[in-house]
Amino acid sequence: SISAISSSSYTHTIWMRTRRYATLPIVPQEGNTPPVILHKIGKNLHKKQYHPIHLIKSKIESYFAQLTTTPTFTFYDSFYPEVTVQHNFDDLLFPEQHVGRSSTDTYYLSPSTVLRTHTSAHQSTLFRADKKAFLVTGDVYRRDEIDASHYPVFHQMEGAKLFSFPKADIYPTSINYYEDEEYKTSEQVRYISEDLKKTLEGLVHHLFGHVEMRWISAYFPFTSPSFELEIFFGGQWLEVLGCGVVHPDILKKTGVKENERGWAFGLGLERLAMVLFDIPDIRLFWTEDERFHSQFTPKQGQQQQDCIKFKPYSKYPSCYKDISFWLPSSSSSSSSSADAYHSNHFYELVREHAGDICESVKLIDTFKHPKTGRESHCYRINYRHMDRCLLNEEINVLQEDVAKAAVSRLGVA
């Protein structure tokens, strides 16, 4: 039976995976996006003056605005987050069984529309509109784990730039652009890669000052060759962004001229803001507490400071609760069934019930019954309010609601 273990003690992307499902979970006709996520649409933190997300966005845009290279960059920050599967995945060459397409990772509004998982979803539209250099900023949505650095809504910036060459490099139709060394070391690709790295290294200096950097080879479906940029900051190496040379098949599909090639990059604004401003918890970006926002708003008659360091104004105690249950009998660690249990289902359920008072959820133990083969999970939920102390009694009620919902909606026992 499900076990909600109470505790009376109080004590705090670059996402791109190559993992694929044999069968993707079926997307319901009505989608899988809960009201708590839909209510975030239109908040537009990146457009609120003096919000730290807006400050980072403005600082990046100021760098690209002062570049003397051509073409000049155009900035977009008002695209609506509802996009088609075609724009979010197909146009960017995501394989059919790529984990990013799964309803365990993506918020679907219908089988053919999603809340964008990256601002790259607008790349093909802008290429088709003959835009040669642009930055796109917006809110993006992903089902994910719960901790101090993950939130189902965050903000991303996509950048892209096209080059016109005297003549097009022609490659056989059977070429694998991800692996072909002749393509990846060609003069045009090397030229684009060098311009990309020079531009982004300049951006890092603009944001962080003179820091040590290193380039790491990577894989993204929509670029080849692909890279990640890391910086040595605060005594450790931090991934800052992912980028690469735009895959030729993307350009061909969008009608770009044969002699045009380009680069693209993507970065998370919360990640940069947390590092630059010493913001310890991603939930703070969504608070309406003036003790947070006043630290980023210049006093009357003063100019915005270049280097702001967040000063914590409170640290209320945590309330830890453990919950364990048997997974549905159709689920197993190796199952590819469309109905298989996924931890993201439970994380989503906790978010719906607890909202932002849930600081983290960790899978702390698993067990597989030697005879039945059934698997059990034990999660530790850390409840902590940003603005007040929580009572053990109120969290016990909330924990019981989570347990009941897990049984009725996820089929656990």
Protein backbone atom coordinates (compact mmCIF):
# COMPACT_ATOMS: atom_id res chain seq x y z
CA SER A 1 0.00 0.00 0.00
CA ILE A 2 1.05 3.59 -0.50
CA SER A 3 2.96 5.03 2.42
CA ALA A 4 3.12 8.72 3.29
CA ILE A 5 5.83 8.99 5.92
CA SER A 6 5.44 12.09 8.09
CA SER A 7 8.35 13.80 9.77
CA SER A 8 8.03 16.19 12.67
CA SER A 9 11.52 17.62 12.15
CA TYR A 10 12.19 20.82 10.21
CA THR A 11 15.50 21.41 8.42
CA HIS A 12 17.17 23.54 1.98
CA THR A 13 20.99 22.47 -22.20
CA ILE A 14 21.58 22.36 -22.28
CA TRP A 15 18.84 19.90 -22.39
CA MET A 16 19.42 17.72 -25.33
CA ARG A 17 19.31 13.99 -24.70
CA THR A 18 19.99 11.31 -27.28
CA ARG A 19 17.88 8.73 -25.41
CA ARG A 20 14.93 7.48 -27.47
CA TYR A 21 11.77 5.52 -26.76
CA ALA A 22 10.78 2.44 -28.75
CA THR A 23 7.19 3.70 -28.41
CA LEU A 24 6.37 7.24 -27.37
CA PRO A 25 3.57 7.68 -24.81
CA ILE A 26 0.26 8.51 -26.48
CA VAL A 27 -0.70 12.19 -26.32
CA PRO A 28 -4.33 12.73 -25.19
CA GLN A 29 -6.53 14.72 -27.58
CA GLU A 30 -6.91 17.40 -24.89
CA GLY A 31 -3.17 17.46 -24.23
CA ASN A 32 -1.38 17.02 -20.90
CA THR A 33 -0.89 20.63 -19.75
CA PRO A 34 -2.35 21.31 -16.28
CA PRO A 35 -3.97 24.64 -15.29
CA VAL A 36 -1.03 25.54 -13.02
CA ILE A 37 1.17 25.68 -16.15
CA LEU A 38 -1.39 27.41 -18.37
CA HIS A 39 -1.65 30.18 -15.76
CA LYS A 40 2.04 31.01 -16.34
CA ILE A 41 1.42 31.97 -19.98
CA GLY A 42 1.59 35.72 -20.43
CA LYS A 43 3.62 36.42 -17.28
CA ASN A 44 6.51 37.45 -19.56
CA LEU A 45 9.17 37.90 -16.90
CA HIS A 46 11.67 38.69 -19.67
CA LYS A 47 9.72 41.87 -20.50
CA LYS A 48 9.34 43.22 -16.95
CA GLN A 49 11.69 46.13 -16.38
CA TYR A 50 14.29 45.51 -13.66
CA HIS A 51 13.38 41.85 -13.33
CA PRO A 52 16.69 39.89 -13.32
CA ILE A 53 15.59 37.91 -16.40
CA HIS A 54 14.97 41.19 -18.22
CA LEU A 55 18.32 42.55 -17.06
CA ILE A 56 20.19 39.56 -18.51
CA LYS A 57 18.18 39.74 -21.75
CA SER A 58 18.95 43.45 -22.13
CA LYS A 59 22.63 42.94 -21.46
CA ILE A 60 22.87 40.25 -24.14
CA GLU A 61 20.91 42.33 -26.64
CA SER A 62 23.18 45.31 -26.00
CA TYR A 63 26.18 43.17 -26.92
CA PHE A 64 24.67 42.04 -30.23
CA ALA A 65 23.43 45.55 -30.99
CA GLN A 66 26.96 46.96 -30.85
CA LEU A 67 28.51 44.33 -33.15
CA THR A 68 29.80 45.94 -36.33
CA THR A 69 29.46 42.79 -38.42
CA THR A 70 26.76 42.30 -41.06
CA PRO A 71 23.98 41.37 -41.20
CA THR A 72 22.77 43.27 -38.13
CA PHE A 73 20.67 41.45 -35.56
CA THR A 74 16.93 41.87 -35.09
CA PHE A 75 15.41 41.15 -31.66
CA TYR A 76 12.12 39.34 -31.04
CA ASP A 77 10.52 38.78 -27.63
CA SER A 78 6.75 38.58 -28.21
CA PHE A 79 6.15 35.27 -29.97
CA TYR A 80 3.30 33.32 -28.33
CA PRO A 81 4.49 30.07 -26.68
CA GLU A 82 1.92 27.81 -28.37
CA VAL A 83 3.60 26.27 -31.42
CA THR A 84 3.08 23.30 -33.69
CA VAL A 85 4.89 19.99 -33.39
CA GLN A 86 6.15 20.76 -36.88
CA HIS A 87 7.93 23.95 -35.73
CA ASN A 88 9.11 22.61 -32.37
CA PHE A 89 10.41 19.22 -33.50
CA ASP A 90 10.04 18.33 -37.19
CA ASP A 91 11.63 21.46 -38.66
CA LEU A 92 14.56 20.98 -36.26
CA LEU A 93 15.14 17.36 -37.31
CA PHE A 94 14.22 15.73 -34.01
CA PRO A 95 14.04 11.97 -34.64
CA GLU A 96 10.54 10.49 -34.36
CA GLN A 97 11.38 8.62 -31.13
CA HIS A 98 13.49 11.37 -29.53
CA VAL A 99 12.79 11.70 -25.82
CA GLY A 100 12.08 15.42 -26.27
CA ARG A 101 8.88 14.55 -28.14
CA SER A 102 7.57 12.41 -25.27
CA SER A 103 4.56 13.59 -23.29
CA THR A 104 6.61 12.79 -20.18
CA ASP A 105 8.93 15.65 -21.14
CA THR A 106 6.77 18.06 -23.15
CA TYR A 107 3.52 19.92 -22.47
CA TYR A 108 1.08 19.14 -25.28
CA LEU A 109 -2.05 21.21 -25.89
CA SER A 110 -3.18 18.68 -28.50
CA PRO A 111 -1.41 15.93 -30.45
CA SER A 112 -0.26 18.56 -32.97
CA THR A 113 0.48 21.59 -30.71
CA VAL A 114 2.79 22.10 -27.74
CA LEU A 115 4.04 24.77 -25.41
CA ARG A 116 7.43 25.42 -26.98
CA THR A 117 10.28 23.55 -25.31
CA HIS A 118 12.84 25.99 -26.75
CA THR A 119 12.85 29.30 -28.58
CA SER A 120 14.44 27.44 -31.52
CA ALA A 121 10.82 26.63 -32.40
CA HIS A 122 10.70 29.99 -34.21
CA GLN A 123 13.90 29.49 -36.19
CA SER A 124 12.32 27.95 -39.30
CA THR A 125 9.60 30.64 -39.40
CA LEU A 126 12.20 33.41 -39.37
CA PHE A 127 14.39 31.69 -41.96
CA ARG A 128 11.34 31.36 -44.22
CA ALA A 129 10.73 35.10 -43.72
CA ASP A 130 14.27 35.72 -45.04
CA LYS A 131 15.65 36.92 -41.69
CA LYS A 132 19.44 36.71 -41.73
CA ALA A 133 20.41 37.45 -38.11
CA PHE A 134 18.15 37.46 -35.06
CA LEU A 135 17.71 36.84 -31.35
CA VAL A 136 14.47 35.32 -30.02
CA THR A 137 13.65 35.49 -26.31
CA GLY A 138 10.67 33.85 -24.65
CA ASP A 139 9.25 31.58 -21.98
CA VAL A 140 9.69 27.85 -22.61
CA TYR A 141 8.02 24.88 -20.96
CA ARG A 142 9.27 21.42 -20.00
CA ARG A 143 8.15 18.70 -17.62
CA ASP A 144 11.13 18.12 -15.37
CA GLU A 145 12.40 17.26 -11.93
CA ILE A 146 11.85 19.55 -8.95
CA ASP A 147 14.84 21.20 -7.29
CA ALA A 148 16.46 24.61 -6.79
CA SER A 149 17.62 24.86 -10.43
CA HIS A 150 14.64 23.33 -12.31
CA TYR A 151 11.23 24.85 -12.95
CA PRO A 152 8.60 23.85 -15.54
CA VAL A 153 8.68 27.35 -17.05
CA PHE A 154 11.93 29.17 -17.79
CA HIS A 155 13.29 31.63 -20.33
CA GLN A 156 15.56 31.02 -23.25
CA MET A 157 17.28 33.00 -25.97
CA GLU A 158 17.89 31.66 -29.45
CA GLY A 159 20.35 33.36 -31.76
CA ALA A 160 21.05 32.68 -35.44
CA LYS A 161 23.06 34.20 -38.25
CA LEU A 162 23.30 33.36 -41.97
CA PHE A 163 26.24 33.91 -44.32
CA SER A 164 26.21 34.21 -48.11
CA PHE A 165 29.09 32.47 -49.90
CA PRO A 166 30.15 32.99 -53.55
CA LYS A 167 28.99 29.48 -54.37
CA ALA A 168 27.34 26.60 -52.55
CA ASP A 169 29.17 23.52 -51.31
CA ILE A 170 27.38 20.52 -52.83
CA TYR A 171 27.22 17.24 -50.90
CA PRO A 172 25.70 13.89 -51.89
CA THR A 173 22.11 13.34 -50.75
CA SER A 174 23.19 10.28 -48.75
CA ILE A 175 25.63 12.22 -46.56
CA ASN A 176 25.39 11.96 -42.78
CA TYR A 177 26.11 15.54 -41.71
CA TYR A 178 26.56 14.50 -38.07
CA GLU A 179 29.49 12.23 -38.87
CA ASP A 180 30.98 13.19 -42.24
CA GLU A 181 34.43 14.66 -41.59
CA GLU A 182 34.79 16.14 -45.08
CA TYR A 183 31.71 18.29 -44.45
CA LYS A 184 32.66 19.20 -40.85
CA THR A 185 36.18 20.29 -41.86
CA SER A 186 35.18 22.10 -45.06
CA GLU A 187 36.28 25.69 -45.50
CA GLN A 188 32.76 27.12 -45.16
CA VAL A 189 31.93 25.14 -42.02
CA ARG A 190 35.25 26.11 -40.44
CA TYR A 191 34.62 29.77 -41.26
CA ILE A 192 31.13 29.67 -39.72
CA SER A 193 32.38 27.82 -36.63
CA GLU A 194 35.17 30.35 -36.07
CA ASP A 195 32.75 33.27 -36.37
CA LEU A 196 30.32 31.56 -33.99
CA LYS A 197 32.98 30.93 -31.36
CA LYS A 198 34.46 34.42 -31.66
CA THR A 199 31.00 35.98 -31.27
CA LEU A 200 30.02 33.88 -28.23
CA GLU A 201 33.38 34.28 -26.53
CA GLY A 202 32.84 38.03 -26.84
CA LEU A 203 29.39 37.62 -25.28
CA VAL A 204 30.88 35.73 -22.32
CA HIS A 205 33.45 38.49 -21.74
CA HIS A 206 30.61 41.03 -21.94
CA LEU A 207 28.65 39.17 -19.23
CA PHE A 208 31.32 37.72 -16.96
CA GLY A 209 34.46 39.71 -17.62
CA HIS A 210 37.68 37.89 -18.46
CA VAL A 211 37.12 34.26 -17.50
CA GLU A 212 38.64 31.00 -18.66
CA MET A 213 36.57 29.22 -21.33
CA ARG A 214 36.58 25.86 -23.07
CA TRP A 215 34.67 24.35 -25.99
CA ILE A 216 33.20 20.86 -25.77
CA SER A 217 31.98 18.82 -28.74
CA ALA A 218 28.28 18.01 -28.43
CA TYR A 219 25.25 16.59 -30.27
CA PHE A 220 22.08 18.49 -31.15
CA PRO A 221 19.64 17.34 -33.84
CA PHE A 222 19.57 20.76 -35.51
CA THR A 223 23.29 21.60 -35.77
CA SER A 224 26.45 19.91 -36.99
CA PRO A 225 29.12 20.32 -35.87
CA SER A 226 27.76 21.15 -32.41
CA PHE A 227 29.47 22.63 -29.35
CA GLU A 228 28.91 23.54 -25.73
CA LEU A 229 30.69 26.48 -24.14
CA GLU A 230 31.84 26.19 -20.53
CA ILE A 231 33.37 28.85 -18.29
CA PHE A 232 35.43 28.54 -15.13
CA PHE A 233 33.50 30.67 -12.66
CA GLY A 234 33.18 30.52 -8.89
CA GLY A 235 35.76 27.74 -8.67
CA GLN A 236 34.01 25.35 -11.06
CA TRP A 237 33.30 24.71 -14.73
CA LEU A 238 29.80 25.79 -15.75
CA GLU A 239 27.99 25.07 -19.00
CA VAL A 240 26.77 28.37 -20.44
CA LEU A 241 25.21 27.53 -23.80
CA GLY A 242 24.88 25.12 -26.69
CA CYS A 243 25.47 26.02 -30.33
CA GLY A 244 26.62 24.87 -33.74
CA VAL A 245 26.46 25.18 -37.50
CA VAL A 246 22.85 24.95 -38.66
CA HIS A 247 22.14 21.56 -40.24
CA PRO A 248 21.99 21.99 -44.06
CA ASP A 249 18.70 20.04 -44.27
CA ILE A 250 17.01 22.65 -42.06
CA LEU A 251 18.11 25.43 -44.40
CA LYS A 252 16.98 23.45 -47.43
CA LYS A 253 13.51 22.85 -45.92
CA THR A 254 13.04 26.53 -45.10
CA GLY A 255 13.91 27.73 -48.60
CA VAL A 256 17.20 29.41 -47.75
CA LYS A 257 19.40 29.96 -50.78
CA GLU A 258 21.83 27.16 -51.65
CA ASN A 259 24.85 29.40 -51.09
CA GLU A 260 23.74 30.41 -47.57
CA ARG A 261 24.93 28.68 -44.41
CA GLY A 262 24.71 29.76 -40.79
CA TRP A 263 25.10 29.20 -37.07
CA ALA A 264 22.71 29.11 -34.14
CA PHE A 265 22.95 29.04 -30.35
CA GLY A 266 20.63 28.73 -27.38
CA LEU A 267 21.05 29.71 -23.74
CA GLY A 268 18.95 29.71 -20.58
CA LEU A 269 18.46 33.13 -18.98
CA GLU A 270 17.65 31.80 -15.49
CA ARG A 271 20.90 29.88 -15.41
CA LEU A 272 22.92 32.98 -16.28
CA ALA A 273 20.99 35.16 -13.83
CA MET A 274 21.46 32.67 -10.98
CA VAL A 275 25.21 32.64 -11.59
CA LEU A 276 25.69 36.37 -12.15
CA PHE A 277 23.37 37.58 -9.38
CA ASP A 278 23.96 34.77 -6.83
CA ILE A 279 20.27 33.79 -6.84
CA PRO A 280 20.12 30.42 -5.02
CA ASP A 281 16.62 29.19 -5.93
CA ILE A 282 14.87 29.36 -9.31
CA ARG A 283 11.48 29.88 -7.61
CA LEU A 284 12.59 33.37 -6.59
CA PHE A 285 12.17 34.58 -10.17
CA TRP A 286 8.41 34.07 -9.76
CA THR A 287 8.00 35.69 -6.35
CA GLU A 288 6.11 38.94 -5.99
CA ASP A 289 7.92 39.82 -2.77
CA GLU A 290 9.32 43.35 -2.97
CA ARG A 291 12.28 42.29 -0.85
CA PHE A 292 13.46 40.39 -3.91
CA HIS A 293 12.55 42.85 -6.66
CA SER A 294 13.77 45.94 -4.83
CA GLN A 295 17.32 44.58 -4.96
CA PHE A 296 17.29 44.84 -8.77
CA THR A 297 15.42 48.15 -9.05
CA PRO A 298 17.63 51.28 -8.94
CA LYS A 299 16.67 53.92 -6.43
CA GLN A 300 15.25 57.14 -7.82
CA GLY A 301 17.94 59.23 -9.47
CA GLN A 302 20.41 56.31 -9.62
CA GLN A 303 21.50 54.23 -12.59
CA GLN A 304 21.24 50.44 -12.83
CA GLN A 305 24.28 48.77 -11.27
CA ASP A 306 26.34 46.47 -13.49
CA CYS A 307 27.10 43.97 -10.74
CA ILE A 308 24.19 43.11 -8.44
CA LYS A 309 24.51 40.34 -5.87
CA PHE A 310 21.29 39.05 -4.34
CA LYS A 311 21.14 39.24 -0.54
CA PRO A 312 18.86 36.58 0.99
CA TYR A 313 16.15 38.23 3.06
CA SER A 314 14.82 35.11 4.77
CA LYS A 315 15.44 31.40 5.07
CA TYR A 316 12.46 29.61 6.49
CA PRO A 317 12.93 26.01 7.68
CA SER A 318 12.18 22.99 5.54
CA CYS A 319 9.57 20.35 6.20
CA TYR A 320 10.59 16.98 4.78
CA LYS A 321 8.05 14.28 3.98
CA ASP A 322 8.74 10.87 2.48
CA ILE A 323 6.28 8.96 0.32
CA SER A 324 6.68 5.44 -1.08
CA PHE A 325 4.49 3.34 -3.37
CA TRP A 326 4.43 0.38 -5.73
CA LEU A 327 4.50 1.37 -9.39
CA PRO A 328 1.65 0.23 -11.64
CA SER A 329 2.13 -3.40 -12.61
CA SER A 330 2.48 -2.41 -16.29
CA SER A 331 5.58 -0.31 -15.43
CA SER A 332 9.14 -1.52 -15.10
CA SER A 333 12.56 -0.01 -15.47
CA SER A 334 12.83 -1.50 -18.96
CA SER A 335 9.26 -0.92 -20.12
CA SER A 336 8.64 1.10 -23.26
CA SER A 337 4.86 0.90 -22.93
CA ALA A 338 2.91 4.06 -23.64
CA ASP A 339 1.32 3.64 -20.22
CA ALA A 340 4.58 3.14 -18.29
CA TYR A 341 5.05 5.16 -15.12
CA HIS A 342 7.57 8.00 -15.30
CA SER A 343 8.92 10.03 -12.38
CA ASN A 344 7.93 13.21 -14.20
CA HIS A 345 4.29 12.17 -13.75
CA PHE A 346 4.75 12.27 -9.98
CA TYR A 347 6.74 15.52 -10.06
CA GLU A 348 3.93 17.12 -12.06
CA LEU A 349 1.34 15.91 -9.56
CA VAL A 350 3.30 17.36 -6.64
CA ARG A 351 3.63 20.71 -8.46
CA GLU A 352 -0.12 20.82 -9.02
CA HIS A 353 -0.88 20.29 -5.33
CA ALA A 354 2.02 22.09 -3.64
CA GLY A 355 2.94 24.79 -6.16
CA ASP A 356 6.03 26.81 -5.28
CA ILE A 357 6.13 25.75 -1.63
CA CYS A 358 7.72 22.52 -2.88
CA GLU A 359 11.44 23.18 -3.05
CA SER A 360 12.55 19.75 -4.25
CA VAL A 361 11.50 16.16 -4.81
CA LYS A 362 14.16 13.44 -4.82
CA LEU A 363 13.91 9.77 -5.63
CA ILE A 364 15.81 8.39 -2.63
CA ASP A 365 15.21 4.63 -2.94
CA THR A 366 13.97 1.97 -5.33
CA PHE A 367 13.17 -1.68 -4.71
CA LYS A 368 12.30 -4.54 -7.05
CA HIS A 369 10.45 -7.49 -5.57
CA PRO A 370 12.49 -10.65 -6.27
CA LYS A 371 9.38 -12.80 -6.89
CA THR A 372 6.76 -10.52 -8.46
CA GLY A 373 9.16 -8.21 -10.25
CA ARG A 374 7.15 -5.18 -9.13
CA GLU A 375 9.09 -2.02 -8.43
CA SER A 376 8.61 0.51 -5.67
CA HIS A 377 9.84 4.10 -5.40
CA CYS A 378 10.43 6.24 -2.35
CA TYR A 379 10.54 10.03 -2.79
CA ARG A 380 11.53 12.73 -0.33
CA ILE A 381 9.55 15.95 -0.72
CA ASN A 382 11.06 19.12 0.70
CA TYR A 383 8.42 21.73 1.47
CA ARG A 384 9.67 25.25 2.16
CA HIS A 385 7.71 28.47 1.77
CA MET A 386 9.62 31.47 0.46
CA ASP A 387 7.75 33.96 2.67
CA ARG A 388 6.63 32.24 5.90
CA CYS A 389 7.06 29.25 8.20
CA LEU A 390 5.08 26.14 7.37
CA LEU A 391 3.19 24.17 10.02
CA ASN A 392 3.72 20.43 10.22
CA GLU A 393 -0.06 19.98 10.47
CA GLU A 394 -0.79 21.80 7.20
CA ILE A 395 1.92 19.87 5.36
CA ASN A 396 0.55 16.57 6.67
CA VAL A 397 -2.81 17.44 5.06
CA LEU A 398 -1.08 18.41 1.81
CA GLN A 399 1.00 15.22 1.85
CA GLU A 400 -2.13 13.13 2.30
CA ASP A 401 -3.73 14.89 -0.70
CA VAL A 402 -0.64 14.09 -2.79
CA ALA A 403 -0.81 10.43 -1.74
CA LYS A 404 -4.49 10.11 -2.63
CA ALA A 405 -3.95 11.81 -5.99
CA ALA A 406 -1.02 9.51 -6.79
CA VAL A 407 -3.26 6.46 -6.22
CA SER A 408 -6.21 7.75 -8.24
CA ARG A 409 -4.31 9.34 -11.13
CA LEU A 410 -1.07 7.39 -11.46
CA GLY A 411 -2.35 3.94 -10.54
CA VAL A 412 0.28 3.41 -7.84
CA ALA A 413 -0.44 1.42 -4.71
